[in-house]
Amino acid sequence: MYDAIVIGAGVAAAPTAMLLARSEGCRVLLVDPTTASDLRATLTVRPGELAALAGWGVRPTVPAGAPDPAGAVTVRRAVLDGLLREAAMVAGVEVRLSTTVTELLWSEDRVIGVRGVDVDGGWFEELAPVVVDVDLLIGPEAAVVEAADRLLAV
């Protein structure tokens, strides 16, 4: 059993899992259906965001000629996703890629975990009093589900 399960492993989910593990000492599971970020997109990261990343120990490589006059840098999404997942793992988060959550597990009116398919095609169930679907992979109704008496603050 985990203290929290975070669905998704991108720029929102990985830091959520990392901060839960760091601030609350939680046992956190991070699951994502991809093997790595397959996005070819880039993100513009502003100075305040760079400072937050640095505070988490995440320092993206900045191409020559950067930053722009406002102090922002452009970073490939795949690179940033990987750095954030790595920071989550360093914080003690268990990361499972190629793992798809197919449904939430309920007990009466409370979410108590997730069910899905793992990298080998086998079914799995994991339990946690808090399930966070940061990337809305399960659906908008599951964006944040409080299944315990308290919601862990991020």
N, C-alpha and C. Protein backbone atom coordinates (compact mmCIF):
# COMPACT_ATOMS: atom_id res chain seq x y z
N MET A 1 0.84 -1.19 0.00
CA MET A 1 0.00 0.00 0.00
C MET A 1 0.88 1.24 0.00
N TYR A 2 0.43 2.24 -0.73
CA TYR A 2 1.13 3.52 -0.82
C TYR A 2 0.36 4.57 -0.04
N ASP A 3 1.04 5.67 0.26
CA ASP A 3 0.37 6.82 0.87
C ASP A 3 -0.34 7.64 -0.21
N ALA A 4 0.23 7.64 -1.42
CA ALA A 4 -0.36 8.39 -2.53
C ALA A 4 0.04 7.73 -3.84
N ILE A 5 -0.87 7.79 -4.80
CA ILE A 5 -0.60 7.35 -6.16
C ILE A 5 -0.84 8.56 -7.05
N VAL A 6 0.14 8.87 -7.90
CA VAL A 6 0.03 9.99 -8.82
C VAL A 6 0.01 9.40 -10.23
N ILE A 7 -1.01 9.78 -11.00
CA ILE A 7 -1.19 9.27 -12.36
C ILE A 7 -0.66 10.31 -13.33
N GLY A 8 0.27 9.90 -14.18
CA GLY A 8 0.93 10.80 -15.11
C GLY A 8 2.36 11.02 -14.62
N ALA A 9 3.27 11.34 -15.53
CA ALA A 9 4.67 11.53 -15.12
C ALA A 9 5.31 12.70 -15.84
N GLY A 10 4.50 13.70 -16.18
CA GLY A 10 5.01 14.86 -16.90
C GLY A 10 5.37 16.01 -15.98
N VAL A 11 5.34 17.22 -16.54
CA VAL A 11 5.80 18.40 -15.82
C VAL A 11 4.91 18.78 -14.63
N ALA A 12 3.71 18.27 -14.56
CA ALA A 12 2.85 18.53 -13.40
C ALA A 12 2.89 17.36 -12.42
N ALA A 13 2.79 16.15 -12.93
CA ALA A 13 2.68 14.97 -12.07
C ALA A 13 3.98 14.62 -11.36
N ALA A 14 5.09 14.63 -12.06
CA ALA A 14 6.37 14.24 -11.43
C ALA A 14 6.72 15.15 -10.25
N PRO A 15 6.62 16.49 -10.39
CA PRO A 15 6.88 17.32 -9.22
C PRO A 15 5.87 17.11 -8.08
N THR A 16 4.62 16.83 -8.42
CA THR A 16 3.63 16.55 -7.39
C THR A 16 4.05 15.34 -6.57
N ALA A 17 4.43 14.27 -7.26
CA ALA A 17 4.88 13.06 -6.57
C ALA A 17 6.14 13.34 -5.76
N MET A 18 7.08 14.06 -6.35
CA MET A 18 8.34 14.37 -5.67
C MET A 18 8.09 15.17 -4.40
N LEU A 19 7.25 16.19 -4.49
CA LEU A 19 6.99 17.04 -3.32
C LEU A 19 6.23 16.28 -2.23
N LEU A 20 5.32 15.40 -2.61
CA LEU A 20 4.65 14.56 -1.61
C LEU A 20 5.67 13.70 -0.87
N ALA A 21 6.56 13.08 -1.62
CA ALA A 21 7.57 12.22 -1.00
C ALA A 21 8.51 13.02 -0.11
N ARG A 22 8.89 14.21 -0.55
CA ARG A 22 9.82 15.03 0.23
C ARG A 22 9.17 15.66 1.45
N SER A 23 8.02 16.29 1.27
CA SER A 23 7.45 17.08 2.35
C SER A 23 6.71 16.25 3.39
N GLU A 24 6.11 15.19 2.98
CA GLU A 24 5.32 14.38 3.90
C GLU A 24 5.99 13.05 4.23
N GLY A 25 7.09 12.73 3.54
CA GLY A 25 7.73 11.45 3.75
C GLY A 25 6.83 10.30 3.31
N CYS A 26 6.00 10.56 2.33
CA CYS A 26 5.03 9.58 1.87
C CYS A 26 5.68 8.51 0.99
N ARG A 27 5.08 7.36 1.00
CA ARG A 27 5.42 6.31 0.03
C ARG A 27 4.53 6.58 -1.18
N VAL A 28 5.17 6.98 -2.29
CA VAL A 28 4.42 7.47 -3.45
C VAL A 28 4.71 6.60 -4.67
N LEU A 29 3.66 6.28 -5.41
CA LEU A 29 3.77 5.58 -6.69
C LEU A 29 3.38 6.55 -7.79
N LEU A 30 4.21 6.64 -8.83
CA LEU A 30 3.96 7.49 -10.00
C LEU A 30 3.82 6.56 -11.19
N VAL A 31 2.69 6.59 -11.87
CA VAL A 31 2.47 5.71 -13.02
C VAL A 31 2.17 6.54 -14.26
N ASP A 32 2.67 6.06 -15.41
CA ASP A 32 2.45 6.77 -16.67
C ASP A 32 2.41 5.74 -17.79
N PRO A 33 1.51 5.92 -18.76
CA PRO A 33 1.40 4.95 -19.85
C PRO A 33 2.54 4.99 -20.86
N THR A 34 3.34 6.01 -20.84
CA THR A 34 4.43 6.10 -21.82
C THR A 34 5.72 5.54 -21.23
N THR A 35 6.69 5.26 -22.10
CA THR A 35 8.00 4.80 -21.63
C THR A 35 8.88 5.99 -21.31
N ALA A 36 8.67 7.05 -22.00
CA ALA A 36 9.38 8.31 -21.79
C ALA A 36 8.57 9.35 -22.54
N SER A 37 8.89 10.60 -22.31
CA SER A 37 8.14 11.63 -23.01
C SER A 37 8.40 11.52 -24.50
N ASP A 38 7.33 11.33 -25.25
CA ASP A 38 7.47 11.25 -26.70
C ASP A 38 7.09 12.59 -27.35
N LEU A 39 6.98 13.60 -26.52
CA LEU A 39 6.63 14.92 -27.03
C LEU A 39 7.84 15.59 -27.67
N ARG A 40 7.64 16.16 -28.82
CA ARG A 40 8.72 16.90 -29.47
C ARG A 40 8.62 18.39 -29.17
N ALA A 41 7.70 18.72 -28.33
CA ALA A 41 7.46 20.12 -28.00
C ALA A 41 8.60 20.69 -27.16
N THR A 42 8.63 22.01 -27.12
CA THR A 42 9.55 22.71 -26.22
C THR A 42 8.72 23.56 -25.28
N LEU A 43 9.31 23.89 -24.17
CA LEU A 43 8.65 24.75 -23.19
C LEU A 43 9.53 25.96 -22.93
N THR A 44 8.92 27.10 -22.76
CA THR A 44 9.65 28.28 -22.34
C THR A 44 9.59 28.33 -20.82
N VAL A 45 10.76 28.32 -20.21
CA VAL A 45 10.86 28.30 -18.75
C VAL A 45 11.37 29.67 -18.31
N ARG A 46 10.55 30.37 -17.54
CA ARG A 46 10.88 31.72 -17.09
C ARG A 46 11.80 31.68 -15.87
N PRO A 47 12.42 32.82 -15.53
CA PRO A 47 13.38 32.85 -14.43
C PRO A 47 12.84 32.30 -13.10
N GLY A 48 11.62 32.64 -12.74
CA GLY A 48 11.05 32.11 -11.49
C GLY A 48 10.89 30.60 -11.53
N GLU A 49 10.52 30.08 -12.70
CA GLU A 49 10.38 28.64 -12.86
C GLU A 49 11.74 27.96 -12.81
N LEU A 50 12.75 28.60 -13.42
CA LEU A 50 14.11 28.06 -13.34
C LEU A 50 14.59 27.99 -11.89
N ALA A 51 14.24 29.00 -11.11
CA ALA A 51 14.62 29.02 -9.69
C ALA A 51 13.93 27.88 -8.94
N ALA A 52 12.65 27.65 -9.23
CA ALA A 52 11.93 26.55 -8.58
C ALA A 52 12.56 25.22 -8.96
N LEU A 53 12.86 25.04 -10.23
CA LEU A 53 13.52 23.80 -10.68
C LEU A 53 14.85 23.61 -9.97
N ALA A 54 15.63 24.67 -9.89
CA ALA A 54 16.94 24.59 -9.23
C ALA A 54 16.77 24.21 -7.76
N GLY A 55 15.74 24.74 -7.12
CA GLY A 55 15.46 24.40 -5.73
C GLY A 55 15.13 22.92 -5.55
N TRP A 56 14.62 22.30 -6.59
CA TRP A 56 14.33 20.87 -6.56
C TRP A 56 15.52 20.03 -7.01
N GLY A 57 16.62 20.71 -7.38
CA GLY A 57 17.79 19.99 -7.86
C GLY A 57 17.72 19.67 -9.34
N VAL A 58 16.82 20.33 -10.07
CA VAL A 58 16.65 20.09 -11.50
C VAL A 58 17.23 21.26 -12.26
N ARG A 59 18.24 20.99 -13.04
CA ARG A 59 18.89 22.05 -13.81
C ARG A 59 18.97 21.64 -15.28
N PRO A 60 17.98 22.06 -16.07
CA PRO A 60 18.01 21.70 -17.48
C PRO A 60 19.19 22.35 -18.20
N THR A 61 19.75 21.62 -19.15
CA THR A 61 20.82 22.16 -19.97
C THR A 61 20.24 23.25 -20.85
N VAL A 62 20.91 24.38 -20.85
CA VAL A 62 20.43 25.52 -21.62
C VAL A 62 21.29 25.66 -22.87
N PRO A 63 20.66 25.72 -24.05
CA PRO A 63 21.43 25.84 -25.29
C PRO A 63 22.25 27.14 -25.33
N ALA A 64 23.30 27.11 -26.11
CA ALA A 64 24.13 28.31 -26.27
C ALA A 64 23.28 29.46 -26.79
N GLY A 65 23.58 30.64 -26.32
CA GLY A 65 22.82 31.81 -26.76
C GLY A 65 21.63 32.11 -25.89
N ALA A 66 21.30 31.23 -24.97
CA ALA A 66 20.16 31.46 -24.07
C ALA A 66 20.70 32.07 -22.79
N PRO A 67 19.95 32.68 -21.99
CA PRO A 67 18.51 32.91 -22.09
C PRO A 67 18.17 34.11 -22.97
N ASP A 68 16.87 34.29 -23.17
CA ASP A 68 16.43 35.45 -23.95
C ASP A 68 16.54 36.69 -23.06
N PRO A 69 16.27 37.86 -23.59
CA PRO A 69 16.43 39.10 -22.81
C PRO A 69 15.62 39.13 -21.51
N ALA A 70 14.51 38.40 -21.46
CA ALA A 70 13.70 38.38 -20.24
C ALA A 70 14.20 37.34 -19.24
N GLY A 71 15.25 36.59 -19.62
CA GLY A 71 15.81 35.58 -18.72
C GLY A 71 15.18 34.21 -18.88
N ALA A 72 14.29 34.05 -19.85
CA ALA A 72 13.64 32.76 -20.08
C ALA A 72 14.51 31.89 -20.98
N VAL A 73 14.35 30.58 -20.83
CA VAL A 73 15.06 29.63 -21.69
C VAL A 73 14.05 28.67 -22.31
N THR A 74 14.42 28.09 -23.42
CA THR A 74 13.58 27.10 -24.08
C THR A 74 14.19 25.73 -23.84
N VAL A 75 13.36 24.81 -23.36
CA VAL A 75 13.82 23.47 -23.01
C VAL A 75 12.93 22.46 -23.72
N ARG A 76 13.53 21.41 -24.25
CA ARG A 76 12.74 20.33 -24.87
C ARG A 76 11.90 19.64 -23.79
N ARG A 77 10.65 19.43 -24.07
CA ARG A 77 9.73 18.81 -23.12
C ARG A 77 10.21 17.44 -22.68
N ALA A 78 10.70 16.64 -23.62
CA ALA A 78 11.17 15.29 -23.28
C ALA A 78 12.31 15.35 -22.28
N VAL A 79 13.20 16.32 -22.43
CA VAL A 79 14.33 16.47 -21.50
C VAL A 79 13.84 16.86 -20.12
N LEU A 80 12.95 17.85 -20.06
CA LEU A 80 12.45 18.31 -18.78
C LEU A 80 11.65 17.22 -18.07
N ASP A 81 10.80 16.50 -18.81
CA ASP A 81 10.05 15.39 -18.21
C ASP A 81 10.99 14.38 -17.58
N GLY A 82 12.06 14.03 -18.29
CA GLY A 82 13.02 13.06 -17.78
C GLY A 82 13.72 13.54 -16.53
N LEU A 83 14.11 14.81 -16.51
CA LEU A 83 14.77 15.37 -15.33
C LEU A 83 13.84 15.38 -14.13
N LEU A 84 12.58 15.70 -14.35
CA LEU A 84 11.61 15.74 -13.25
C LEU A 84 11.31 14.33 -12.73
N ARG A 85 11.20 13.35 -13.63
CA ARG A 85 11.00 11.97 -13.18
C ARG A 85 12.20 11.50 -12.36
N GLU A 86 13.39 11.85 -12.81
CA GLU A 86 14.61 11.47 -12.07
C GLU A 86 14.61 12.10 -10.68
N ALA A 87 14.22 13.37 -10.58
CA ALA A 87 14.15 14.03 -9.27
C ALA A 87 13.14 13.34 -8.37
N ALA A 88 12.02 12.89 -8.94
CA ALA A 88 11.02 12.16 -8.16
C ALA A 88 11.61 10.85 -7.64
N MET A 89 12.34 10.14 -8.47
CA MET A 89 12.95 8.89 -8.03
C MET A 89 13.98 9.12 -6.93
N VAL A 90 14.77 10.18 -7.06
CA VAL A 90 15.75 10.51 -6.02
C VAL A 90 15.04 10.80 -4.70
N ALA A 91 13.84 11.37 -4.76
CA ALA A 91 13.06 11.67 -3.55
C ALA A 91 12.43 10.42 -2.95
N GLY A 92 12.55 9.29 -3.65
CA GLY A 92 12.01 8.04 -3.14
C GLY A 92 10.72 7.58 -3.79
N VAL A 93 10.29 8.27 -4.84
CA VAL A 93 9.06 7.90 -5.54
C VAL A 93 9.33 6.66 -6.39
N GLU A 94 8.42 5.70 -6.34
CA GLU A 94 8.50 4.55 -7.25
C GLU A 94 7.85 4.97 -8.57
N VAL A 95 8.61 4.89 -9.66
CA VAL A 95 8.11 5.30 -10.97
C VAL A 95 7.90 4.06 -11.84
N ARG A 96 6.70 3.94 -12.37
CA ARG A 96 6.39 2.84 -13.29
C ARG A 96 5.93 3.43 -14.62
N LEU A 97 6.78 3.32 -15.62
CA LEU A 97 6.43 3.77 -16.96
C LEU A 97 5.82 2.61 -17.72
N SER A 98 5.21 2.89 -18.86
CA SER A 98 4.49 1.88 -19.65
C SER A 98 3.44 1.18 -18.81
N THR A 99 2.83 1.91 -17.91
CA THR A 99 1.82 1.38 -17.00
C THR A 99 0.57 2.25 -17.13
N THR A 100 -0.52 1.63 -17.50
CA THR A 100 -1.75 2.37 -17.76
C THR A 100 -2.78 2.11 -16.66
N VAL A 101 -3.22 3.18 -16.01
CA VAL A 101 -4.31 3.07 -15.05
C VAL A 101 -5.60 3.10 -15.85
N THR A 102 -6.42 2.06 -15.67
CA THR A 102 -7.66 1.97 -16.42
C THR A 102 -8.89 2.35 -15.62
N GLU A 103 -8.76 2.26 -14.29
CA GLU A 103 -9.91 2.64 -13.46
C GLU A 103 -9.48 2.92 -12.03
N LEU A 104 -10.32 3.65 -11.36
CA LEU A 104 -10.13 3.92 -9.94
C LEU A 104 -10.85 2.84 -9.15
N LEU A 105 -10.28 2.44 -8.03
CA LEU A 105 -10.92 1.47 -7.14
C LEU A 105 -11.68 2.24 -6.06
N TRP A 106 -12.90 1.81 -5.81
CA TRP A 106 -13.77 2.51 -4.87
C TRP A 106 -14.19 1.60 -3.73
N SER A 107 -14.38 2.18 -2.58
CA SER A 107 -15.01 1.53 -1.44
C SER A 107 -16.08 2.50 -0.97
N GLU A 108 -17.31 2.14 -1.19
CA GLU A 108 -18.43 3.04 -0.94
C GLU A 108 -18.23 4.31 -1.76
N ASP A 109 -18.07 5.46 -1.11
CA ASP A 109 -17.93 6.72 -1.85
C ASP A 109 -16.48 7.23 -1.86
N ARG A 110 -15.52 6.36 -1.59
CA ARG A 110 -14.12 6.78 -1.51
C ARG A 110 -13.26 6.02 -2.50
N VAL A 111 -12.36 6.73 -3.13
CA VAL A 111 -11.35 6.09 -3.96
C VAL A 111 -10.31 5.50 -3.02
N ILE A 112 -9.97 4.25 -3.25
CA ILE A 112 -8.99 3.58 -2.39
C ILE A 112 -7.77 3.08 -3.16
N GLY A 113 -7.73 3.34 -4.48
CA GLY A 113 -6.59 2.91 -5.27
C GLY A 113 -6.89 2.92 -6.75
N VAL A 114 -6.04 2.17 -7.49
CA VAL A 114 -6.16 2.13 -8.94
C VAL A 114 -5.98 0.69 -9.44
N ARG A 115 -6.53 0.46 -10.62
CA ARG A 115 -6.34 -0.81 -11.32
C ARG A 115 -5.85 -0.46 -12.72
N GLY A 116 -4.99 -1.32 -13.27
CA GLY A 116 -4.51 -1.04 -14.62
C GLY A 116 -3.70 -2.18 -15.19
N VAL A 117 -2.97 -1.85 -16.25
CA VAL A 117 -2.17 -2.82 -16.98
C VAL A 117 -0.71 -2.38 -16.90
N ASP A 118 0.16 -3.34 -16.53
CA ASP A 118 1.58 -3.00 -16.39
C ASP A 118 2.35 -3.22 -17.70
N VAL A 119 3.64 -2.99 -17.65
CA VAL A 119 4.50 -3.04 -18.83
C VAL A 119 4.47 -4.42 -19.50
N ASP A 120 4.22 -5.48 -18.72
CA ASP A 120 4.19 -6.83 -19.28
C ASP A 120 2.81 -7.25 -19.75
N GLY A 121 1.83 -6.35 -19.65
CA GLY A 121 0.47 -6.66 -20.07
C GLY A 121 -0.36 -7.31 -18.99
N GLY A 122 0.20 -7.43 -17.80
CA GLY A 122 -0.54 -8.02 -16.68
C GLY A 122 -1.34 -6.97 -15.94
N TRP A 123 -2.42 -7.40 -15.30
CA TRP A 123 -3.24 -6.50 -14.52
C TRP A 123 -2.61 -6.27 -13.15
N PHE A 124 -2.79 -5.09 -12.62
CA PHE A 124 -2.31 -4.78 -11.28
C PHE A 124 -3.35 -3.96 -10.54
N GLU A 125 -3.28 -4.02 -9.24
CA GLU A 125 -4.08 -3.16 -8.36
C GLU A 125 -3.15 -2.62 -7.29
N GLU A 126 -3.23 -1.33 -7.03
CA GLU A 126 -2.46 -0.70 -5.96
C GLU A 126 -3.42 0.15 -5.14
N LEU A 127 -3.20 0.14 -3.84
CA LEU A 127 -4.07 0.87 -2.92
C LEU A 127 -3.35 2.08 -2.34
N ALA A 128 -4.11 3.14 -2.11
CA ALA A 128 -3.58 4.36 -1.47
C ALA A 128 -4.76 5.20 -1.00
N PRO A 129 -4.60 5.87 0.13
CA PRO A 129 -5.68 6.74 0.60
C PRO A 129 -5.83 8.02 -0.22
N VAL A 130 -4.81 8.35 -1.02
CA VAL A 130 -4.87 9.55 -1.86
C VAL A 130 -4.46 9.16 -3.28
N VAL A 131 -5.30 9.52 -4.25
CA VAL A 131 -5.01 9.30 -5.67
C VAL A 131 -5.11 10.65 -6.36
N VAL A 132 -4.06 11.01 -7.09
CA VAL A 132 -4.02 12.29 -7.79
C VAL A 132 -3.83 12.03 -9.28
N ASP A 133 -4.79 12.45 -10.08
CA ASP A 133 -4.72 12.29 -11.54
C ASP A 133 -4.37 13.66 -12.13
N VAL A 134 -3.11 14.04 -12.02
CA VAL A 134 -2.66 15.37 -12.42
C VAL A 134 -2.89 15.63 -13.90
N ASP A 135 -2.61 14.65 -14.73
CA ASP A 135 -2.71 14.83 -16.18
C ASP A 135 -4.09 14.49 -16.73
N LEU A 136 -5.04 14.22 -15.85
CA LEU A 136 -6.41 13.89 -16.25
C LEU A 136 -6.44 12.70 -17.20
N LEU A 137 -5.63 11.68 -16.90
CA LEU A 137 -5.59 10.49 -17.74
C LEU A 137 -6.81 9.60 -17.53
N ILE A 138 -7.38 9.63 -16.33
CA ILE A 138 -8.57 8.83 -16.05
C ILE A 138 -9.82 9.62 -16.41
N GLY A 139 -9.80 10.91 -16.21
CA GLY A 139 -10.96 11.74 -16.53
C GLY A 139 -11.02 12.93 -15.61
N PRO A 140 -11.71 13.98 -16.04
CA PRO A 140 -11.75 15.21 -15.25
C PRO A 140 -12.34 15.03 -13.86
N GLU A 141 -13.23 14.05 -13.69
CA GLU A 141 -13.82 13.86 -12.37
C GLU A 141 -12.81 13.33 -11.37
N ALA A 142 -11.66 12.84 -11.86
CA ALA A 142 -10.66 12.25 -10.96
C ALA A 142 -9.42 13.12 -10.83
N ALA A 143 -9.52 14.38 -11.22
CA ALA A 143 -8.33 15.25 -11.21
C ALA A 143 -7.64 15.22 -9.85
N VAL A 144 -8.37 15.40 -8.80
CA VAL A 144 -7.82 15.24 -7.45
C VAL A 144 -8.91 14.57 -6.63
N VAL A 145 -8.60 13.43 -6.08
CA VAL A 145 -9.58 12.69 -5.30
C VAL A 145 -9.06 12.56 -3.88
N GLU A 146 -9.85 13.09 -2.95
CA GLU A 146 -9.49 12.94 -1.54
C GLU A 146 -10.17 11.68 -1.04
N ALA A 147 -9.36 10.68 -0.72
CA ALA A 147 -9.91 9.41 -0.29
C ALA A 147 -9.58 9.12 1.16
N ALA A 148 -8.90 10.03 1.81
CA ALA A 148 -8.58 9.86 3.22
C ALA A 148 -9.28 10.97 4.01
N ASP A 149 -9.03 11.01 5.29
CA ASP A 149 -9.63 12.05 6.10
C ASP A 149 -9.00 13.41 5.82
N ARG A 150 -7.84 13.39 5.19
CA ARG A 150 -7.17 14.65 4.87
C ARG A 150 -6.55 14.52 3.49
N LEU A 151 -6.36 15.64 2.85
CA LEU A 151 -5.70 15.69 1.56
C LEU A 151 -4.29 16.17 1.80
N LEU A 152 -3.31 15.45 1.31
CA LEU A 152 -1.93 15.87 1.50
C LEU A 152 -1.67 17.13 0.70
N ALA A 153 -1.19 18.15 1.34
CA ALA A 153 -0.94 19.43 0.67
C ALA A 153 0.37 19.35 -0.10
N VAL A 154 0.35 19.86 -1.30
CA VAL A 154 1.56 19.87 -2.14
C VAL A 154 2.10 21.28 -2.15
